[in-house]
Amino acid sequence: MHRRLAPWFGTLVLALVAGFLAVSGHGAIADSVIAVLLSGLVAAAMLSIVGGTVESITIGPRTLRWNVLLGAADIIIAVVVLSGLRTFGTGRTEGGLFAISAIIGGLSLAWFGLQIARESHHVDLEPAPSRERLLGIAALALASMAGGLLVATVV
């Protein structure tokens, strides 16, 4: 399931980067940190698109399967999220809550990407996941959204 959605996700990330550049202009990439973060997002988007559409690619003597490309894309996005934390002030409660959420999300995304790249038994790479796995994913997504709404409305 992850592979089937990867090209759409990569296209969405490219559209978000293009939208950011359209709104903020070319002056936004004058800051080297923002330029590196945007480059990371573009690289992750391209890896997602390629990994979702081909079985493998050959770079020199090595052949990289699609799961390695998608895992690398997830790890790059996690690094971008964790690197972008320095732009948020942690003096306020909201900044601290956001930082904690971003750290947890970034680290879990990096772990997930590593597991995908390794074809680990911890992630389901089957094209048609089981009903139990889909119900578990839906329950986790709903719990995450409910927790996010709770934090957003309480703070």
N, C-alpha and C. Protein backbone atom coordinates (compact mmCIF):
# COMPACT_ATOMS: atom_id res chain seq x y z
N MET A 1 0.83 -1.19 0.00
CA MET A 1 0.00 0.00 0.00
C MET A 1 0.87 1.25 0.00
N HIS A 2 1.97 1.22 0.73
CA HIS A 2 2.86 2.37 0.81
C HIS A 2 3.40 2.73 -0.58
N ARG A 3 3.76 1.72 -1.34
CA ARG A 3 4.34 1.95 -2.66
C ARG A 3 3.31 2.55 -3.62
N ARG A 4 2.08 2.12 -3.52
CA ARG A 4 1.04 2.61 -4.42
C ARG A 4 0.77 4.10 -4.21
N LEU A 5 0.89 4.58 -2.98
CA LEU A 5 0.62 5.98 -2.67
C LEU A 5 1.85 6.87 -2.82
N ALA A 6 3.03 6.29 -2.94
CA ALA A 6 4.27 7.06 -2.97
C ALA A 6 4.34 8.10 -4.10
N PRO A 7 3.97 7.77 -5.34
CA PRO A 7 4.05 8.80 -6.38
C PRO A 7 3.13 9.99 -6.09
N TRP A 8 1.96 9.73 -5.52
CA TRP A 8 1.04 10.81 -5.19
C TRP A 8 1.62 11.68 -4.07
N PHE A 9 2.22 11.03 -3.09
CA PHE A 9 2.84 11.77 -2.01
C PHE A 9 3.99 12.63 -2.52
N GLY A 10 4.83 12.07 -3.38
CA GLY A 10 5.95 12.83 -3.95
C GLY A 10 5.47 14.03 -4.75
N THR A 11 4.40 13.84 -5.51
CA THR A 11 3.84 14.95 -6.29
C THR A 11 3.29 16.03 -5.36
N LEU A 12 2.64 15.63 -4.28
CA LEU A 12 2.13 16.59 -3.30
C LEU A 12 3.27 17.39 -2.66
N VAL A 13 4.35 16.73 -2.30
CA VAL A 13 5.49 17.42 -1.70
C VAL A 13 6.10 18.41 -2.70
N LEU A 14 6.23 18.00 -3.95
CA LEU A 14 6.74 18.94 -4.97
C LEU A 14 5.82 20.14 -5.13
N ALA A 15 4.51 19.91 -5.11
CA ALA A 15 3.56 21.02 -5.22
C ALA A 15 3.66 21.95 -4.02
N LEU A 16 3.85 21.40 -2.82
CA LEU A 16 4.00 22.24 -1.63
C LEU A 16 5.28 23.08 -1.69
N VAL A 17 6.36 22.50 -2.15
CA VAL A 17 7.62 23.25 -2.30
C VAL A 17 7.44 24.35 -3.34
N ALA A 18 6.81 24.02 -4.47
CA ALA A 18 6.57 25.03 -5.51
C ALA A 18 5.66 26.13 -4.99
N GLY A 19 4.63 25.77 -4.23
CA GLY A 19 3.74 26.77 -3.65
C GLY A 19 4.48 27.67 -2.67
N PHE A 20 5.34 27.10 -1.85
CA PHE A 20 6.13 27.90 -0.92
C PHE A 20 7.01 28.88 -1.67
N LEU A 21 7.68 28.40 -2.72
CA LEU A 21 8.54 29.29 -3.50
C LEU A 21 7.75 30.36 -4.23
N ALA A 22 6.55 30.01 -4.69
CA ALA A 22 5.71 30.99 -5.38
C ALA A 22 5.25 32.09 -4.42
N VAL A 23 4.93 31.72 -3.21
CA VAL A 23 4.45 32.70 -2.22
C VAL A 23 5.59 33.54 -1.68
N SER A 24 6.71 32.92 -1.36
CA SER A 24 7.79 33.64 -0.70
C SER A 24 8.82 34.22 -1.67
N GLY A 25 8.79 33.80 -2.91
CA GLY A 25 9.72 34.33 -3.90
C GLY A 25 11.09 33.68 -3.80
N HIS A 26 11.96 34.09 -4.72
CA HIS A 26 13.29 33.47 -4.78
C HIS A 26 14.17 33.93 -3.62
N GLY A 27 13.76 34.95 -2.89
CA GLY A 27 14.51 35.40 -1.73
C GLY A 27 14.51 34.40 -0.60
N ALA A 28 13.56 33.49 -0.60
CA ALA A 28 13.47 32.49 0.47
C ALA A 28 14.65 31.55 0.44
N ILE A 29 15.18 31.26 -0.74
CA ILE A 29 16.30 30.33 -0.82
C ILE A 29 17.63 31.04 -0.60
N ALA A 30 17.60 32.36 -0.31
CA ALA A 30 18.83 33.06 0.04
C ALA A 30 19.35 32.56 1.38
N ASP A 31 18.46 32.17 2.28
CA ASP A 31 18.87 31.58 3.55
C ASP A 31 19.31 30.15 3.26
N SER A 32 20.56 29.84 3.58
CA SER A 32 21.11 28.53 3.22
C SER A 32 20.38 27.39 3.92
N VAL A 33 19.90 27.61 5.13
CA VAL A 33 19.18 26.54 5.85
C VAL A 33 17.89 26.19 5.12
N ILE A 34 17.14 27.21 4.71
CA ILE A 34 15.89 26.95 3.99
C ILE A 34 16.17 26.30 2.64
N ALA A 35 17.23 26.72 1.97
CA ALA A 35 17.59 26.11 0.69
C ALA A 35 17.91 24.63 0.86
N VAL A 36 18.63 24.28 1.92
CA VAL A 36 18.96 22.87 2.17
C VAL A 36 17.71 22.08 2.52
N LEU A 37 16.82 22.65 3.35
CA LEU A 37 15.59 21.95 3.72
C LEU A 37 14.70 21.72 2.50
N LEU A 38 14.57 22.74 1.65
CA LEU A 38 13.76 22.57 0.43
C LEU A 38 14.39 21.56 -0.51
N SER A 39 15.72 21.57 -0.61
CA SER A 39 16.40 20.57 -1.45
C SER A 39 16.15 19.16 -0.93
N GLY A 40 16.15 19.00 0.39
CA GLY A 40 15.85 17.70 0.97
C GLY A 40 14.44 17.25 0.64
N LEU A 41 13.48 18.17 0.71
CA LEU A 41 12.10 17.82 0.36
C LEU A 41 11.97 17.43 -1.11
N VAL A 42 12.68 18.16 -1.98
CA VAL A 42 12.62 17.82 -3.42
C VAL A 42 13.26 16.45 -3.65
N ALA A 43 14.39 16.18 -2.99
CA ALA A 43 15.03 14.87 -3.14
C ALA A 43 14.11 13.75 -2.65
N ALA A 44 13.46 13.95 -1.51
CA ALA A 44 12.55 12.94 -0.97
C ALA A 44 11.36 12.74 -1.91
N ALA A 45 10.85 13.83 -2.48
CA ALA A 45 9.73 13.72 -3.42
C ALA A 45 10.13 12.92 -4.65
N MET A 46 11.31 13.20 -5.18
CA MET A 46 11.75 12.48 -6.37
C MET A 46 11.98 10.99 -6.07
N LEU A 47 12.55 10.69 -4.89
CA LEU A 47 12.73 9.29 -4.51
C LEU A 47 11.38 8.59 -4.35
N SER A 48 10.39 9.30 -3.83
CA SER A 48 9.05 8.71 -3.68
C SER A 48 8.42 8.42 -5.03
N ILE A 49 8.55 9.36 -5.93
CA ILE A 49 7.96 9.17 -7.27
C ILE A 49 8.64 8.02 -7.99
N VAL A 50 9.97 8.01 -7.99
CA VAL A 50 10.70 6.95 -8.69
C VAL A 50 10.47 5.60 -8.01
N GLY A 51 10.56 5.56 -6.68
CA GLY A 51 10.36 4.30 -5.96
C GLY A 51 8.97 3.74 -6.11
N GLY A 52 8.00 4.61 -6.32
CA GLY A 52 6.63 4.14 -6.48
C GLY A 52 6.29 3.71 -7.89
N THR A 53 7.15 4.03 -8.84
CA THR A 53 6.81 3.73 -10.24
C THR A 53 7.70 2.68 -10.90
N VAL A 54 8.90 2.42 -10.35
CA VAL A 54 9.78 1.42 -10.95
C VAL A 54 10.10 0.34 -9.93
N GLU A 55 10.49 -0.81 -10.42
CA GLU A 55 10.85 -1.93 -9.54
C GLU A 55 12.23 -1.73 -8.93
N SER A 56 13.18 -1.21 -9.72
CA SER A 56 14.53 -0.96 -9.23
C SER A 56 15.25 -0.01 -10.18
N ILE A 57 16.32 0.60 -9.67
CA ILE A 57 17.18 1.43 -10.52
C ILE A 57 18.62 0.97 -10.31
N THR A 58 19.43 1.16 -11.33
CA THR A 58 20.84 0.79 -11.25
C THR A 58 21.68 2.05 -11.24
N ILE A 59 22.52 2.16 -10.21
CA ILE A 59 23.45 3.27 -10.10
C ILE A 59 24.84 2.66 -10.02
N GLY A 60 25.58 2.76 -11.11
CA GLY A 60 26.89 2.13 -11.17
C GLY A 60 26.74 0.62 -11.06
N PRO A 61 27.51 0.00 -10.18
CA PRO A 61 27.42 -1.45 -10.03
C PRO A 61 26.29 -1.91 -9.10
N ARG A 62 25.59 -0.98 -8.46
CA ARG A 62 24.55 -1.35 -7.48
C ARG A 62 23.16 -1.18 -8.07
N THR A 63 22.28 -2.09 -7.69
CA THR A 63 20.88 -2.00 -8.05
C THR A 63 20.09 -1.75 -6.78
N LEU A 64 19.30 -0.68 -6.79
CA LEU A 64 18.49 -0.32 -5.63
C LEU A 64 17.04 -0.65 -5.93
N ARG A 65 16.46 -1.47 -5.05
CA ARG A 65 15.04 -1.82 -5.21
C ARG A 65 14.16 -0.67 -4.77
N TRP A 66 12.90 -0.74 -5.12
CA TRP A 66 11.95 0.33 -4.82
C TRP A 66 11.84 0.61 -3.33
N ASN A 67 11.93 -0.42 -2.49
CA ASN A 67 11.77 -0.21 -1.05
C ASN A 67 12.93 0.61 -0.46
N VAL A 68 14.12 0.48 -1.04
CA VAL A 68 15.26 1.28 -0.58
C VAL A 68 15.02 2.75 -0.91
N LEU A 69 14.47 3.02 -2.08
CA LEU A 69 14.19 4.40 -2.47
C LEU A 69 13.11 5.03 -1.58
N LEU A 70 12.05 4.27 -1.30
CA LEU A 70 10.98 4.80 -0.44
C LEU A 70 11.45 4.96 1.00
N GLY A 71 12.26 4.03 1.47
CA GLY A 71 12.81 4.16 2.82
C GLY A 71 13.72 5.37 2.94
N ALA A 72 14.56 5.59 1.93
CA ALA A 72 15.43 6.77 1.93
C ALA A 72 14.62 8.05 1.90
N ALA A 73 13.52 8.07 1.16
CA ALA A 73 12.66 9.25 1.11
C ALA A 73 12.07 9.55 2.49
N ASP A 74 11.63 8.52 3.19
CA ASP A 74 11.08 8.73 4.54
C ASP A 74 12.15 9.25 5.49
N ILE A 75 13.35 8.71 5.39
CA ILE A 75 14.44 9.15 6.27
C ILE A 75 14.82 10.60 5.97
N ILE A 76 14.86 10.98 4.71
CA ILE A 76 15.17 12.37 4.35
C ILE A 76 14.11 13.31 4.88
N ILE A 77 12.85 12.95 4.77
CA ILE A 77 11.79 13.81 5.29
C ILE A 77 11.91 13.92 6.81
N ALA A 78 12.26 12.83 7.49
CA ALA A 78 12.45 12.89 8.94
C ALA A 78 13.59 13.84 9.29
N VAL A 79 14.68 13.79 8.54
CA VAL A 79 15.81 14.69 8.79
C VAL A 79 15.40 16.14 8.55
N VAL A 80 14.61 16.39 7.51
CA VAL A 80 14.13 17.75 7.24
C VAL A 80 13.26 18.25 8.39
N VAL A 81 12.36 17.40 8.87
CA VAL A 81 11.49 17.79 9.99
C VAL A 81 12.32 18.10 11.23
N LEU A 82 13.26 17.23 11.56
CA LEU A 82 14.07 17.43 12.75
C LEU A 82 15.02 18.62 12.59
N SER A 83 15.51 18.86 11.38
CA SER A 83 16.39 20.01 11.14
C SER A 83 15.63 21.33 11.19
N GLY A 84 14.36 21.30 10.83
CA GLY A 84 13.56 22.52 10.84
C GLY A 84 13.13 22.97 12.22
N LEU A 85 13.40 22.16 13.23
CA LEU A 85 12.98 22.52 14.59
C LEU A 85 13.67 23.77 15.11
N ARG A 86 14.84 24.08 14.63
CA ARG A 86 15.57 25.23 15.15
C ARG A 86 14.88 26.55 14.82
N THR A 87 13.96 26.53 13.88
CA THR A 87 13.28 27.77 13.50
C THR A 87 12.12 28.10 14.43
N PHE A 88 11.73 27.16 15.30
CA PHE A 88 10.61 27.40 16.21
C PHE A 88 11.14 27.74 17.60
N GLY A 89 10.59 28.77 18.18
CA GLY A 89 10.96 29.14 19.54
C GLY A 89 10.34 28.18 20.53
N THR A 90 11.12 27.75 21.50
CA THR A 90 10.59 26.81 22.49
C THR A 90 10.28 27.52 23.81
N GLY A 91 10.30 28.84 23.83
CA GLY A 91 10.00 29.57 25.04
C GLY A 91 8.53 29.49 25.41
N ARG A 92 7.67 29.41 24.42
CA ARG A 92 6.23 29.32 24.66
C ARG A 92 5.82 27.86 24.78
N THR A 93 4.69 27.66 25.38
CA THR A 93 4.17 26.30 25.54
C THR A 93 3.87 25.67 24.19
N GLU A 94 3.30 26.46 23.27
CA GLU A 94 2.96 25.91 21.96
C GLU A 94 4.22 25.46 21.22
N GLY A 95 5.29 26.25 21.30
CA GLY A 95 6.53 25.88 20.64
C GLY A 95 7.11 24.61 21.21
N GLY A 96 7.04 24.46 22.52
CA GLY A 96 7.54 23.25 23.16
C GLY A 96 6.73 22.03 22.78
N LEU A 97 5.40 22.16 22.76
CA LEU A 97 4.55 21.04 22.36
C LEU A 97 4.79 20.65 20.91
N PHE A 98 4.96 21.67 20.05
CA PHE A 98 5.24 21.38 18.65
C PHE A 98 6.58 20.68 18.52
N ALA A 99 7.59 21.14 19.26
CA ALA A 99 8.91 20.52 19.18
C ALA A 99 8.86 19.07 19.63
N ILE A 100 8.16 18.79 20.72
CA ILE A 100 8.04 17.41 21.19
C ILE A 100 7.32 16.55 20.16
N SER A 101 6.24 17.07 19.59
CA SER A 101 5.50 16.32 18.58
C SER A 101 6.35 16.07 17.34
N ALA A 102 7.09 17.09 16.90
CA ALA A 102 7.94 16.94 15.72
C ALA A 102 9.07 15.96 15.96
N ILE A 103 9.64 15.96 17.15
CA ILE A 103 10.71 15.01 17.47
C ILE A 103 10.18 13.58 17.45
N ILE A 104 9.05 13.36 18.08
CA ILE A 104 8.46 12.02 18.10
C ILE A 104 8.08 11.58 16.68
N GLY A 105 7.44 12.48 15.93
CA GLY A 105 7.06 12.15 14.56
C GLY A 105 8.26 11.92 13.66
N GLY A 106 9.28 12.77 13.79
CA GLY A 106 10.47 12.63 12.96
C GLY A 106 11.22 11.35 13.24
N LEU A 107 11.38 11.03 14.51
CA LEU A 107 12.10 9.79 14.86
C LEU A 107 11.32 8.55 14.43
N SER A 108 9.99 8.58 14.59
CA SER A 108 9.22 7.41 14.16
C SER A 108 9.22 7.27 12.64
N LEU A 109 9.20 8.39 11.92
CA LEU A 109 9.28 8.34 10.46
C LEU A 109 10.64 7.81 10.00
N ALA A 110 11.70 8.22 10.68
CA ALA A 110 13.04 7.70 10.35
C ALA A 110 13.11 6.20 10.60
N TRP A 111 12.55 5.74 11.72
CA TRP A 111 12.53 4.30 12.02
C TRP A 111 11.74 3.54 10.96
N PHE A 112 10.59 4.09 10.60
CA PHE A 112 9.74 3.46 9.59
C PHE A 112 10.47 3.38 8.25
N GLY A 113 11.15 4.47 7.87
CA GLY A 113 11.91 4.47 6.61
C GLY A 113 13.03 3.45 6.62
N LEU A 114 13.71 3.32 7.75
CA LEU A 114 14.77 2.32 7.86
C LEU A 114 14.21 0.91 7.73
N GLN A 115 13.06 0.68 8.33
CA GLN A 115 12.43 -0.65 8.24
C GLN A 115 11.98 -0.96 6.81
N ILE A 116 11.47 0.06 6.11
CA ILE A 116 11.07 -0.14 4.72
C ILE A 116 12.28 -0.46 3.86
N ALA A 117 13.36 0.29 4.04
CA ALA A 117 14.57 0.07 3.24
C ALA A 117 15.14 -1.32 3.47
N ARG A 118 15.04 -1.84 4.69
CA ARG A 118 15.57 -3.16 5.03
C ARG A 118 14.61 -4.29 4.72
N GLU A 119 13.40 -3.97 4.29
CA GLU A 119 12.34 -4.98 4.10
C GLU A 119 12.12 -5.77 5.38
N SER A 120 12.02 -5.05 6.46
CA SER A 120 11.87 -5.66 7.78
C SER A 120 10.48 -6.27 7.94
N HIS A 121 10.38 -7.19 8.87
CA HIS A 121 9.08 -7.79 9.19
C HIS A 121 8.21 -6.85 10.01
N HIS A 122 8.78 -5.71 10.44
CA HIS A 122 8.01 -4.75 11.25
C HIS A 122 7.03 -3.93 10.42
N VAL A 123 7.21 -3.89 9.12
CA VAL A 123 6.30 -3.12 8.26
C VAL A 123 5.71 -4.05 7.21
N ASP A 124 4.52 -3.72 6.78
CA ASP A 124 3.81 -4.53 5.80
C ASP A 124 4.00 -3.91 4.42
N LEU A 125 4.77 -4.56 3.58
CA LEU A 125 5.02 -4.06 2.24
C LEU A 125 4.18 -4.78 1.19
N GLU A 126 3.24 -5.56 1.63
CA GLU A 126 2.37 -6.28 0.70
C GLU A 126 1.45 -5.30 -0.01
N PRO A 127 1.11 -5.58 -1.28
CA PRO A 127 0.23 -4.68 -2.01
C PRO A 127 -1.19 -4.64 -1.44
N ALA A 128 -1.63 -5.70 -0.81
CA ALA A 128 -2.97 -5.74 -0.22
C ALA A 128 -2.84 -6.15 1.25
N PRO A 129 -2.77 -5.17 2.16
CA PRO A 129 -2.61 -5.51 3.57
C PRO A 129 -3.86 -6.19 4.13
N SER A 130 -3.67 -6.89 5.23
CA SER A 130 -4.77 -7.62 5.85
C SER A 130 -5.78 -6.65 6.46
N ARG A 131 -6.99 -7.15 6.69
CA ARG A 131 -8.06 -6.34 7.28
C ARG A 131 -7.66 -5.87 8.68
N GLU A 132 -7.03 -6.73 9.45
CA GLU A 132 -6.62 -6.36 10.80
C GLU A 132 -5.61 -5.22 10.78
N ARG A 133 -4.67 -5.28 9.84
CA ARG A 133 -3.66 -4.22 9.74
C ARG A 133 -4.32 -2.90 9.34
N LEU A 134 -5.26 -2.95 8.40
CA LEU A 134 -5.95 -1.72 7.99
C LEU A 134 -6.76 -1.13 9.15
N LEU A 135 -7.43 -1.98 9.93
CA LEU A 135 -8.17 -1.49 11.09
C LEU A 135 -7.23 -0.89 12.13
N GLY A 136 -6.09 -1.51 12.33
CA GLY A 136 -5.10 -0.98 13.27
C GLY A 136 -4.56 0.37 12.83
N ILE A 137 -4.28 0.50 11.54
CA ILE A 137 -3.79 1.77 11.00
C ILE A 137 -4.86 2.84 11.14
N ALA A 138 -6.10 2.50 10.84
CA ALA A 138 -7.19 3.47 10.97
C ALA A 138 -7.36 3.90 12.42
N ALA A 139 -7.26 2.95 13.35
CA ALA A 139 -7.40 3.28 14.78
C ALA A 139 -6.27 4.19 15.23
N LEU A 140 -5.04 3.90 14.80
CA LEU A 140 -3.92 4.76 15.16
C LEU A 140 -4.07 6.16 14.57
N ALA A 141 -4.53 6.24 13.33
CA ALA A 141 -4.72 7.55 12.69
C ALA A 141 -5.79 8.35 13.42
N LEU A 142 -6.90 7.71 13.77
CA LEU A 142 -7.96 8.41 14.51
C LEU A 142 -7.48 8.85 15.89
N ALA A 143 -6.72 8.01 16.57
CA ALA A 143 -6.20 8.38 17.89
C ALA A 143 -5.22 9.54 17.77
N SER A 144 -4.41 9.55 16.72
CA SER A 144 -3.46 10.65 16.52
C SER A 144 -4.20 11.95 16.25
N MET A 145 -5.22 11.89 15.41
CA MET A 145 -6.00 13.10 15.12
C MET A 145 -6.72 13.61 16.36
N ALA A 146 -7.29 12.69 17.13
CA ALA A 146 -7.98 13.10 18.36
C ALA A 146 -7.00 13.73 19.34
N GLY A 147 -5.83 13.14 19.48
CA GLY A 147 -4.81 13.71 20.36
C GLY A 147 -4.35 15.08 19.89
N GLY A 148 -4.17 15.24 18.57
CA GLY A 148 -3.78 16.53 18.03
C GLY A 148 -4.85 17.60 18.24
N LEU A 149 -6.10 17.23 18.04
CA LEU A 149 -7.19 18.17 18.30
C LEU A 149 -7.28 18.55 19.77
N LEU A 150 -7.04 17.57 20.63
CA LEU A 150 -7.07 17.83 22.07
C LEU A 150 -5.97 18.80 22.47
N VAL A 151 -4.76 18.57 21.97
CA VAL A 151 -3.66 19.48 22.27
C VAL A 151 -3.92 20.86 21.69
N ALA A 152 -4.44 20.90 20.47
CA ALA A 152 -4.68 22.21 19.82
C ALA A 152 -5.77 23.01 20.53
N THR A 153 -6.77 22.36 21.05
CA THR A 153 -7.86 23.10 21.69
C THR A 153 -7.58 23.42 23.14
N VAL A 154 -6.79 22.60 23.83
CA VAL A 154 -6.49 22.86 25.23
C VAL A 154 -5.47 23.97 25.37
N VAL A 155 -4.47 23.99 24.49
CA VAL A 155 -3.42 25.00 24.57
C VAL A 155 -3.88 26.21 23.90
